[in-house]
Amino acid sequence: MSAAPVATPPFRTSPVPAVPRAPGAPTATDPALVRRAVKAAALGNAMEWFDFGVYSYIAVTLGKVFFPSGNPTAQLLSTFGAFAAAFLVRPLGGMVFGPLGDRVGRQKVLAVTMIMMAAGTFAIGLIPSYATIGVWAPVLLLVARLVQGFSTGGEYAGASTFIAEYAPDRRRGFLGSWLEFGTLAGYIGGAGLVTLMTALLSDGDLMSWGWRIPFLIAGPMGIVGLYLRMRLEETPAFAAEVAKAETERVKVPLREMVTGQWRALLLCVGLVLVFNVTDYMLLSYMPSYLTSELKYDETHGLLVVLGVMALMMVVQPFAGALTDRVGRRPVIAAGCAGFLLLSVPALLLIREGSLLAVALGMAALGLLLVCFTASMPSALPALFPTRVRYGSLSIGFNVSVSLFGGTTPLVVTALIGATGDMMMPAYYMMAAAVVGGVAVWFMTESAGRPLPGSAPAVEQRR
């Protein structure tokens, strides 16, 4: 893609480190710089999923605040409808921020998405209730969710690309796994805060003002995240592309990012489908399923899910390191096989209702999900060459998330309402596992190898 010579941009405190080197010569990565890049990328992801965790775990309360009183199921559907609406604009955000990240740099675009995410989340905490301003309440909620969705269209692809392009080839799985560690940390932070408020506040206080607190916290979090991202340098891989600007590097139209990468995009959509359907099923939908469908005690249900996420956080880095040793494909394939075979037994355990049974069923699903959270941040960027990596990954990732992942709570709630079959969550995860299994069969192993279009990356020795 074409780009003007890159000067120091307003969002970066140091220039692009475009150091000339012989073609094919390895890139030596500075461990300290890599750690800083991983922290900044993971924090942005944590803030994004802090909001999603809060929204999911407090969905019942939000339904009462923003939608007319009536059928609780209709309120929950309306709340999840607003949740899903953000995912409908994610592909638009991906089509804007992705190609922009390939032209002007990953770091600048990630700074912009951080600002927008924080602003959208903070705005939700300021919206008056339906009782105060009527229909404008859900309208403003929808607008804020659309801002969030548009910004997150460039977030995950950019963050995973940023870490992947900084990481040495032999440690890309381990370092990439910290991106999803940030996801889990954000979920635990959001869900833990909701659980604490649910336990400490009366229903009246939670309805009148308590629900706003988690959303207002996004303001300070966004400032911290923006500061960290502003201090980052561009990745060596992008710097090498910038160095080609006067000779080889040509502008790649958006259409070519799709048609020119159609096979990789199909694989990306399939892998992201199984990753996000299972992710949103477990972390976003199951708390409401336990409370609304199974009539499980709300506080106990939240604590179980928090415990499962804490378990996943402990396992996550080890699973990421495992993908560096045995490969991404075996780990992803194990996750697909596990969801295909164990979704029904796990949900039957959850439906049994005792605390131990619910915990065991949720833990089984959580450990299977780690197969994806530990692998995808390093596997997905490796599907695309450097010059279109951010753009193509943004498009493929967000199309899949929008159609299948983010709509999971809404679709499963509607399916249960239409059929009365409480096993629908298991069937939905099994179908996703089949699609993911087909994708992993056709993907190429990337562990220990240079990213397409990039020189080999090795860790700098001190």
Protein backbone atom coordinates (compact mmCIF):
# COMPACT_ATOMS: atom_id res chain seq x y z
CA MET A 1 0.00 0.00 0.00
CA SER A 2 1.23 3.50 -0.70
CA ALA A 3 2.15 5.81 2.09
CA ALA A 4 3.80 9.18 2.35
CA PRO A 5 7.17 9.27 4.12
CA VAL A 6 6.36 8.86 7.78
CA ALA A 7 7.27 11.66 10.13
CA THR A 8 6.81 11.46 13.84
CA PRO A 9 3.01 11.45 14.24
CA PRO A 10 1.13 13.20 17.01
CA PHE A 11 0.36 9.96 18.81
CA ARG A 12 3.93 8.66 18.96
CA THR A 13 6.85 9.99 20.96
CA SER A 14 9.55 8.34 18.84
CA PRO A 15 9.89 7.81 15.09
CA VAL A 16 9.33 4.62 13.15
CA PRO A 17 12.45 2.47 13.75
CA ALA A 18 13.05 1.82 10.05
CA VAL A 19 16.65 0.65 10.24
CA PRO A 20 17.98 -0.58 6.89
CA ARG A 21 19.08 -4.19 6.81
CA ALA A 22 19.94 -6.79 4.22
CA PRO A 23 16.92 -8.46 2.58
CA GLY A 24 15.86 -11.47 4.61
CA ALA A 25 18.15 -10.58 7.51
CA PRO A 26 16.59 -11.44 10.88
CA THR A 27 15.05 -8.69 13.00
CA ALA A 28 16.36 -8.56 16.55
CA THR A 29 13.55 -7.66 18.95
CA ASP A 30 14.28 -5.80 22.19
CA PRO A 31 12.69 -7.81 25.07
CA ALA A 32 11.90 -4.64 27.05
CA LEU A 33 10.18 -3.05 24.06
CA VAL A 34 8.24 -6.24 23.40
CA ARG A 35 7.00 -6.37 27.00
CA ARG A 36 5.88 -2.74 26.78
CA ALA A 37 4.03 -3.43 23.53
CA VAL A 38 2.30 -6.46 25.01
CA LYS A 39 1.19 -4.52 28.09
CA ALA A 40 -0.22 -1.62 26.07
CA ALA A 41 -2.08 -3.90 23.67
CA ALA A 42 -3.46 -6.11 26.44
CA LEU A 43 -4.66 -3.13 28.47
CA GLY A 44 -6.73 -1.87 25.54
CA ASN A 45 -8.27 -5.29 25.15
CA ALA A 46 -8.93 -5.41 28.89
CA MET A 47 -10.81 -2.12 28.76
CA GLU A 48 -12.91 -3.29 25.82
CA TRP A 49 -13.91 -6.48 27.60
CA PHE A 50 -14.38 -4.75 30.94
CA ASP A 51 -17.27 -2.98 29.25
CA PHE A 52 -18.60 -6.16 27.65
CA GLY A 53 -18.32 -8.00 30.96
CA VAL A 54 -20.20 -5.27 32.80
CA TYR A 55 -22.88 -5.06 30.10
CA SER A 56 -23.44 -8.82 30.10
CA TYR A 57 -23.43 -9.30 33.84
CA ILE A 58 -25.75 -6.40 34.54
CA ALA A 59 -28.01 -7.06 31.55
CA VAL A 60 -31.11 -7.75 33.65
CA THR A 61 -30.75 -4.38 35.46
CA LEU A 62 -30.07 -2.52 32.21
CA GLY A 63 -33.24 -4.02 30.74
CA LYS A 64 -35.26 -2.48 33.56
CA VAL A 65 -33.48 0.89 33.34
CA PHE A 66 -33.60 1.45 29.58
CA PHE A 67 -36.66 -0.43 28.35
CA PRO A 68 -40.37 -0.21 29.28
CA SER A 69 -41.56 -2.46 32.08
CA GLY A 70 -43.25 -5.67 31.04
CA ASN A 71 -42.10 -9.14 30.16
CA PRO A 72 -38.64 -9.79 31.71
CA THR A 73 -37.68 -11.98 28.73
CA ALA A 74 -38.58 -9.14 26.34
CA GLN A 75 -36.47 -6.74 28.39
CA LEU A 76 -33.53 -9.13 28.32
CA LEU A 77 -33.93 -9.60 24.56
CA SER A 78 -33.99 -5.81 24.09
CA THR A 79 -30.83 -5.42 26.16
CA PHE A 80 -29.01 -8.13 24.21
CA GLY A 81 -30.35 -6.55 21.02
CA ALA A 82 -28.53 -3.33 21.89
CA PHE A 83 -25.50 -5.47 22.78
CA ALA A 84 -25.64 -7.17 19.37
CA ALA A 85 -26.16 -3.88 17.51
CA ALA A 86 -22.60 -2.85 18.29
CA PHE A 87 -21.39 -5.88 16.39
CA LEU A 88 -23.30 -4.90 13.27
CA VAL A 89 -21.06 -1.85 12.80
CA ARG A 90 -17.83 -3.64 13.68
CA PRO A 91 -17.14 -4.57 10.03
CA LEU A 92 -17.50 -0.89 9.13
CA GLY A 93 -14.96 -0.01 11.80
CA GLY A 94 -12.71 -2.77 10.52
CA MET A 95 -12.95 -1.48 6.96
CA VAL A 96 -11.97 2.00 8.15
CA PHE A 97 -9.35 1.32 10.82
CA GLY A 98 -7.78 -1.80 9.29
CA PRO A 99 -6.63 -0.31 5.97
CA LEU A 100 -5.73 2.89 7.84
CA GLY A 101 -3.47 0.85 10.13
CA ASP A 102 -1.72 -0.57 7.07
CA ARG A 103 -1.16 2.92 5.67
CA VAL A 104 -0.35 5.24 8.58
CA GLY A 105 0.71 2.76 11.24
CA ARG A 106 -0.64 0.35 13.82
CA GLN A 107 0.21 2.53 16.82
CA LYS A 108 -1.70 5.65 15.76
CA VAL A 109 -4.86 3.73 14.92
CA LEU A 110 -4.74 1.83 18.21
CA ALA A 111 -4.53 5.16 20.05
CA VAL A 112 -7.67 6.38 18.25
CA THR A 113 -9.62 3.20 18.99
CA MET A 114 -8.68 3.53 22.66
CA ILE A 115 -10.12 7.06 22.81
CA MET A 116 -13.37 6.01 21.11
CA MET A 117 -13.87 2.93 23.27
CA ALA A 118 -13.39 4.90 26.47
CA ALA A 119 -15.72 7.69 25.31
CA GLY A 120 -18.50 5.29 24.30
CA THR A 121 -18.36 3.34 27.55
CA PHE A 122 -18.17 6.48 29.69
CA ALA A 123 -21.19 7.93 27.86
CA ILE A 124 -23.38 4.95 28.83
CA GLY A 125 -22.86 5.83 32.48
CA LEU A 126 -24.27 9.32 31.86
CA ILE A 127 -27.48 8.37 30.01
CA PRO A 128 -30.73 9.09 31.93
CA SER A 129 -33.16 6.21 32.46
CA TYR A 130 -36.27 5.44 30.40
CA ALA A 131 -38.39 6.73 33.28
CA THR A 132 -36.66 10.12 32.95
CA ILE A 133 -36.43 10.78 29.21
CA GLY A 134 -38.55 8.04 27.68
CA VAL A 135 -37.61 6.58 24.33
CA TRP A 136 -34.47 8.71 24.11
CA ALA A 137 -32.87 6.51 26.77
CA PRO A 138 -32.64 3.35 24.62
CA VAL A 139 -31.81 5.52 21.57
CA LEU A 140 -28.80 7.06 23.35
CA LEU A 141 -27.78 3.63 24.64
CA LEU A 142 -27.82 2.36 21.08
CA VAL A 143 -25.73 5.31 19.85
CA ALA A 144 -23.12 4.71 22.56
CA ARG A 145 -23.00 1.02 21.69
CA LEU A 146 -22.52 1.87 18.01
CA VAL A 147 -19.55 4.10 18.87
CA GLN A 148 -18.08 1.24 20.88
CA GLY A 149 -18.70 -1.23 18.09
CA PHE A 150 -17.15 1.01 15.45
CA SER A 151 -14.00 1.51 17.52
CA THR A 152 -13.61 -2.15 18.44
CA GLY A 153 -13.69 -2.90 14.71
CA GLY A 154 -10.04 -1.86 14.68
CA GLU A 155 -9.04 -2.96 18.17
CA TYR A 156 -8.51 -6.73 18.26
CA ALA A 157 -6.95 -7.04 14.81
CA GLY A 158 -4.65 -4.11 15.55
CA ALA A 159 -3.64 -5.33 18.99
CA SER A 160 -2.96 -8.89 17.84
CA THR A 161 -1.07 -7.59 14.79
CA PHE A 162 0.98 -5.27 17.00
CA ILE A 163 2.05 -8.06 19.36
CA ALA A 164 2.63 -10.58 16.57
CA GLU A 165 4.87 -8.18 14.64
CA TYR A 166 6.93 -7.35 17.73
CA ALA A 167 7.29 -10.91 19.06
CA PRO A 168 10.20 -13.19 18.16
CA ASP A 169 9.05 -16.12 16.03
CA ARG A 170 9.68 -18.76 18.68
CA ARG A 171 7.72 -16.93 21.42
CA ARG A 172 4.83 -15.47 19.44
CA GLY A 173 2.28 -17.86 20.93
CA PHE A 174 3.30 -17.13 24.52
CA LEU A 175 3.43 -13.35 24.05
CA GLY A 176 0.21 -13.29 22.03
CA SER A 177 -1.61 -15.20 24.76
CA TRP A 178 -1.27 -12.18 27.04
CA LEU A 179 -3.70 -10.30 24.79
CA GLU A 180 -6.46 -12.68 25.85
CA PHE A 181 -5.12 -12.58 29.39
CA GLY A 182 -6.11 -8.92 29.19
CA THR A 183 -9.55 -9.96 27.93
CA LEU A 184 -10.06 -12.22 30.93
CA ALA A 185 -8.72 -9.58 33.31
CA GLY A 186 -11.20 -7.08 31.89
CA TYR A 187 -14.05 -9.54 32.22
CA ILE A 188 -13.10 -10.37 35.80
CA GLY A 189 -12.78 -6.69 36.65
CA GLY A 190 -16.18 -5.87 35.16
CA ALA A 191 -17.97 -8.95 36.46
CA GLY A 192 -16.31 -8.69 39.88
CA LEU A 193 -17.42 -5.09 40.25
CA VAL A 194 -20.99 -5.99 39.26
CA THR A 195 -20.97 -8.91 41.70
CA LEU A 196 -19.71 -6.66 44.50
CA MET A 197 -22.35 -4.04 43.78
CA THR A 198 -25.08 -6.69 43.57
CA ALA A 199 -24.05 -7.99 46.99
CA LEU A 200 -23.66 -4.60 48.68
CA LEU A 201 -26.41 -2.47 47.13
CA SER A 202 -30.14 -2.80 47.41
CA ASP A 203 -32.14 -3.37 44.23
CA GLY A 204 -33.34 0.23 44.42
CA ASP A 205 -29.83 1.69 44.71
CA LEU A 206 -28.55 -0.55 41.93
CA MET A 207 -31.39 0.58 39.67
CA SER A 208 -31.13 4.29 40.47
CA TRP A 209 -27.37 4.91 40.41
CA GLY A 210 -25.25 1.85 41.14
CA TRP A 211 -25.30 0.49 37.59
CA ARG A 212 -23.57 3.64 36.34
CA ILE A 213 -20.35 3.17 38.33
CA PRO A 214 -18.71 0.47 36.14
CA PHE A 215 -19.28 2.49 32.97
CA LEU A 216 -17.91 5.71 34.46
CA ILE A 217 -14.68 3.93 35.41
CA ALA A 218 -13.90 3.65 31.69
CA GLY A 219 -12.81 7.32 31.60
CA PRO A 220 -9.72 6.97 33.80
CA MET A 221 -8.93 3.56 32.30
CA GLY A 222 -8.95 5.06 28.82
CA ILE A 223 -6.55 7.84 29.81
CA VAL A 224 -4.07 5.31 31.21
CA GLY A 225 -4.35 3.11 28.14
CA LEU A 226 -3.92 6.05 25.78
CA TYR A 227 -0.78 7.13 27.64
CA LEU A 228 0.76 3.67 27.29
CA ARG A 229 -0.06 3.43 23.59
CA MET A 230 1.29 6.91 22.84
CA ARG A 231 4.69 5.82 24.22
CA LEU A 232 5.02 2.90 21.79
CA GLU A 233 7.06 2.76 18.62
CA GLU A 234 5.82 1.21 15.40
CA THR A 235 6.50 -2.47 14.81
CA PRO A 236 9.66 -3.54 12.93
CA ALA A 237 7.52 -5.24 10.28
CA PHE A 238 5.58 -2.05 9.56
CA ALA A 239 8.81 -0.04 9.61
CA ALA A 240 10.19 -2.30 6.89
CA GLU A 241 7.08 -1.68 4.80
CA VAL A 242 7.50 2.07 5.26
CA ALA A 243 11.09 1.76 4.03
CA LYS A 244 9.71 0.43 0.72
CA ALA A 245 7.50 3.48 0.20
CA GLU A 246 9.62 5.01 -2.58
CA THR A 247 10.08 1.78 -4.53
CA GLU A 248 8.06 -1.39 -3.99
CA ARG A 249 5.22 -0.37 -1.72
CA VAL A 250 1.98 0.35 -3.60
CA LYS A 251 -1.51 1.14 -2.45
CA VAL A 252 -3.70 -1.93 -2.01
CA PRO A 253 -7.40 -1.18 -2.63
CA LEU A 254 -9.91 -2.42 -0.08
CA ARG A 255 -11.32 -4.80 -2.69
CA GLU A 256 -7.94 -6.49 -3.08
CA MET A 257 -7.74 -6.97 0.68
CA VAL A 258 -10.75 -9.24 0.24
CA THR A 259 -10.44 -10.80 -3.21
CA GLY A 260 -6.67 -11.05 -3.04
CA GLN A 261 -6.84 -12.80 0.33
CA TRP A 262 -10.05 -14.78 -0.09
CA ARG A 263 -8.67 -18.12 1.10
CA ALA A 264 -7.06 -16.63 4.20
CA LEU A 265 -10.22 -14.63 4.88
CA LEU A 266 -12.39 -17.77 4.76
CA LEU A 267 -10.06 -19.51 7.20
CA CYS A 268 -10.12 -16.42 9.42
CA VAL A 269 -13.94 -16.33 9.44
CA GLY A 270 -14.14 -20.03 10.36
CA LEU A 271 -11.55 -19.81 13.14
CA VAL A 272 -13.05 -16.62 14.58
CA LEU A 273 -16.53 -18.17 14.45
CA VAL A 274 -15.69 -21.06 16.77
CA PHE A 275 -13.52 -18.81 18.94
CA ASN A 276 -16.16 -16.13 19.45
CA VAL A 277 -19.32 -18.24 19.61
CA THR A 278 -17.82 -20.26 22.45
CA ASP A 279 -16.29 -17.15 24.04
CA TYR A 280 -19.51 -15.13 24.10
CA MET A 281 -21.52 -18.18 25.06
CA LEU A 282 -19.46 -18.82 28.17
CA LEU A 283 -18.47 -15.33 29.26
CA SER A 284 -21.41 -13.19 28.10
CA TYR A 285 -24.46 -15.42 27.84
CA MET A 286 -24.06 -18.03 30.59
CA PRO A 287 -24.49 -15.60 33.53
CA SER A 288 -27.90 -14.57 32.16
CA TYR A 289 -28.70 -18.21 31.27
CA LEU A 290 -28.06 -19.27 34.85
CA THR A 291 -30.23 -16.49 36.24
CA SER A 292 -33.04 -16.06 33.70
CA GLU A 293 -33.46 -19.55 32.26
CA LEU A 294 -32.37 -21.85 35.11
CA LYS A 295 -33.49 -19.52 37.95
CA TYR A 296 -30.09 -19.93 39.56
CA ASP A 297 -29.14 -17.57 42.38
CA GLU A 298 -27.65 -14.49 40.71
CA THR A 299 -24.73 -13.92 43.09
CA HIS A 300 -23.67 -17.58 43.14
CA GLY A 301 -23.89 -17.76 39.35
CA LEU A 302 -21.64 -14.72 38.94
CA LEU A 303 -19.11 -16.10 41.42
CA VAL A 304 -18.92 -19.40 39.55
CA VAL A 305 -18.21 -17.64 36.26
CA LEU A 306 -15.62 -15.42 37.94
CA GLY A 307 -13.90 -18.51 39.29
CA VAL A 308 -13.84 -20.09 35.85
CA MET A 309 -12.29 -16.95 34.33
CA ALA A 310 -9.66 -16.87 37.08
CA LEU A 311 -8.82 -20.49 36.25
CA MET A 312 -8.53 -19.58 32.58
CA MET A 313 -6.17 -16.70 33.42
CA VAL A 314 -3.85 -19.07 35.29
CA VAL A 315 -3.76 -21.56 32.41
CA GLN A 316 -3.59 -18.98 29.59
CA PRO A 317 0.19 -18.22 29.45
CA PHE A 318 1.09 -21.91 29.77
CA ALA A 319 -1.28 -22.78 26.93
CA GLY A 320 0.24 -19.98 24.84
CA ALA A 321 3.72 -21.39 25.44
CA LEU A 322 2.40 -24.83 24.49
CA THR A 323 1.37 -23.52 21.08
CA ASP A 324 4.98 -22.47 20.50
CA ARG A 325 6.16 -26.03 21.22
CA VAL A 326 3.51 -28.23 19.58
CA GLY A 327 1.96 -25.74 17.14
CA ARG A 328 -1.25 -23.72 16.86
CA ARG A 329 -3.14 -26.32 14.80
CA PRO A 330 -3.07 -29.17 17.35
CA VAL A 331 -4.21 -26.89 20.18
CA ILE A 332 -7.06 -25.34 18.16
CA ALA A 333 -8.11 -28.78 16.88
CA ALA A 334 -8.22 -30.10 20.46
CA GLY A 335 -10.54 -27.24 21.41
CA CYS A 336 -12.88 -27.96 18.49
CA ALA A 337 -13.01 -31.67 19.30
CA GLY A 338 -13.63 -30.91 22.95
CA PHE A 339 -16.58 -28.61 22.27
CA LEU A 340 -18.05 -31.12 19.83
CA LEU A 341 -17.88 -33.99 22.33
CA LEU A 342 -18.30 -32.29 25.69
CA SER A 343 -20.77 -29.41 25.16
CA VAL A 344 -23.83 -31.56 25.93
CA PRO A 345 -22.33 -33.29 29.03
CA ALA A 346 -21.07 -29.94 30.34
CA LEU A 347 -24.46 -28.25 29.91
CA LEU A 348 -26.23 -31.21 31.53
CA LEU A 349 -23.93 -30.75 34.53
CA ILE A 350 -24.76 -27.04 34.62
CA ARG A 351 -28.50 -27.77 34.42
CA GLU A 352 -28.23 -30.21 37.33
CA GLY A 353 -28.15 -27.07 39.45
CA SER A 354 -25.90 -27.84 42.40
CA LEU A 355 -22.97 -25.50 42.95
CA LEU A 356 -20.43 -28.27 42.36
CA ALA A 357 -22.10 -29.47 39.16
CA VAL A 358 -22.40 -25.93 37.75
CA ALA A 359 -18.77 -25.22 38.62
CA LEU A 360 -17.53 -28.44 36.97
CA GLY A 361 -19.55 -27.88 33.80
CA MET A 362 -18.43 -24.27 33.48
CA ALA A 363 -14.79 -25.16 34.22
CA ALA A 364 -14.81 -27.79 31.47
CA LEU A 365 -16.08 -25.25 28.94
CA GLY A 366 -13.59 -22.66 30.20
CA LEU A 367 -10.59 -24.94 29.79
CA LEU A 368 -11.70 -25.84 26.27
CA LEU A 369 -12.06 -22.14 25.48
CA VAL A 370 -8.41 -21.61 26.51
CA CYS A 371 -7.41 -23.67 23.46
CA PHE A 372 -8.69 -20.75 21.38
CA THR A 373 -7.78 -17.79 23.57
CA ALA A 374 -4.16 -19.00 23.76
CA SER A 375 -3.81 -19.71 20.03
CA MET A 376 -5.79 -17.14 18.06
CA PRO A 377 -3.77 -13.96 18.81
CA SER A 378 -0.74 -15.56 17.14
CA ALA A 379 -2.53 -17.76 14.58
CA LEU A 380 -4.79 -15.13 13.01
CA PRO A 381 -2.15 -12.47 12.12
CA ALA A 382 -0.06 -15.24 10.53
CA LEU A 383 -2.78 -15.79 7.92
CA PHE A 384 -1.98 -12.52 6.11
CA PRO A 385 1.13 -10.77 4.70
CA THR A 386 2.45 -7.64 6.39
CA ARG A 387 1.27 -5.12 3.80
CA VAL A 388 -2.44 -6.04 4.28
CA ARG A 389 -2.33 -7.77 7.67
CA TYR A 390 -4.20 -5.16 9.71
CA GLY A 391 -6.79 -4.49 7.02
CA SER A 392 -7.56 -8.05 5.96
CA LEU A 393 -7.57 -9.37 9.52
CA SER A 394 -9.89 -6.54 10.61
CA ILE A 395 -12.35 -7.36 7.85
CA GLY A 396 -12.35 -11.14 8.35
CA PHE A 397 -12.38 -10.97 12.13
CA ASN A 398 -15.17 -8.42 12.42
CA VAL A 399 -17.42 -9.95 9.78
CA SER A 400 -17.26 -13.26 11.66
CA VAL A 401 -17.74 -11.68 15.09
CA SER A 402 -20.65 -9.58 13.87
CA LEU A 403 -22.52 -12.43 12.20
CA PHE A 404 -21.86 -15.18 14.70
CA GLY A 405 -20.04 -14.14 17.89
CA GLY A 406 -21.71 -10.98 19.12
CA THR A 407 -25.15 -12.22 18.16
CA THR A 408 -24.75 -15.43 20.20
CA PRO A 409 -26.63 -14.22 23.33
CA LEU A 410 -29.51 -12.84 21.25
CA VAL A 411 -29.79 -15.87 18.95
CA VAL A 412 -29.60 -18.46 21.72
CA THR A 413 -32.11 -16.58 23.88
CA ALA A 414 -34.48 -16.42 20.90
CA LEU A 415 -33.96 -20.12 20.07
CA ILE A 416 -34.77 -21.16 23.62
CA GLY A 417 -37.86 -18.95 23.56
CA ALA A 418 -39.00 -20.44 20.24
CA THR A 419 -38.29 -24.10 20.99
CA GLY A 420 -38.33 -24.33 24.77
CA ASP A 421 -35.19 -26.49 24.52
CA MET A 422 -32.73 -25.54 27.26
CA MET A 423 -29.95 -27.49 25.50
CA MET A 424 -29.72 -24.96 22.66
CA PRO A 425 -26.46 -23.46 23.99
CA ALA A 426 -24.76 -26.86 23.68
CA TYR A 427 -26.05 -27.46 20.15
CA TYR A 428 -24.92 -24.00 19.08
CA MET A 429 -21.39 -24.58 20.40
CA MET A 430 -21.23 -27.99 18.70
CA ALA A 431 -22.17 -26.46 15.34
CA ALA A 432 -19.48 -23.82 15.79
CA ALA A 433 -16.93 -26.53 16.62
CA VAL A 434 -17.64 -28.30 13.32
CA VAL A 435 -16.98 -25.08 11.37
CA GLY A 436 -13.80 -24.43 13.35
CA GLY A 437 -12.62 -27.98 12.74
CA VAL A 438 -12.93 -27.55 8.98
CA ALA A 439 -10.97 -24.27 9.15
CA VAL A 440 -8.13 -25.73 11.22
CA TRP A 441 -7.87 -28.66 8.79
CA PHE A 442 -7.02 -26.28 5.94
CA MET A 443 -4.85 -23.77 7.82
CA THR A 444 -1.05 -23.85 7.64
CA GLU A 445 1.00 -24.23 10.79
CA SER A 446 2.70 -20.95 11.73
CA ALA A 447 4.44 -21.72 15.04
CA GLY A 448 8.15 -20.89 15.03
CA ARG A 449 8.02 -19.40 11.53
CA PRO A 450 8.30 -15.79 10.31
CA LEU A 451 5.09 -13.93 9.60
CA PRO A 452 4.20 -13.84 5.88
CA GLY A 453 5.93 -10.92 4.22
CA SER A 454 8.22 -10.31 7.21
CA ALA A 455 11.83 -11.18 7.95
CA PRO A 456 12.58 -13.75 10.65
CA ALA A 457 12.35 -12.25 14.15
CA VAL A 458 14.71 -13.31 16.90
CA GLU A 459 15.11 -12.11 20.47
CA GLN A 460 17.88 -9.60 20.99
CA ARG A 461 20.68 -10.89 23.19
CA ARG A 462 22.05 -8.57 25.85
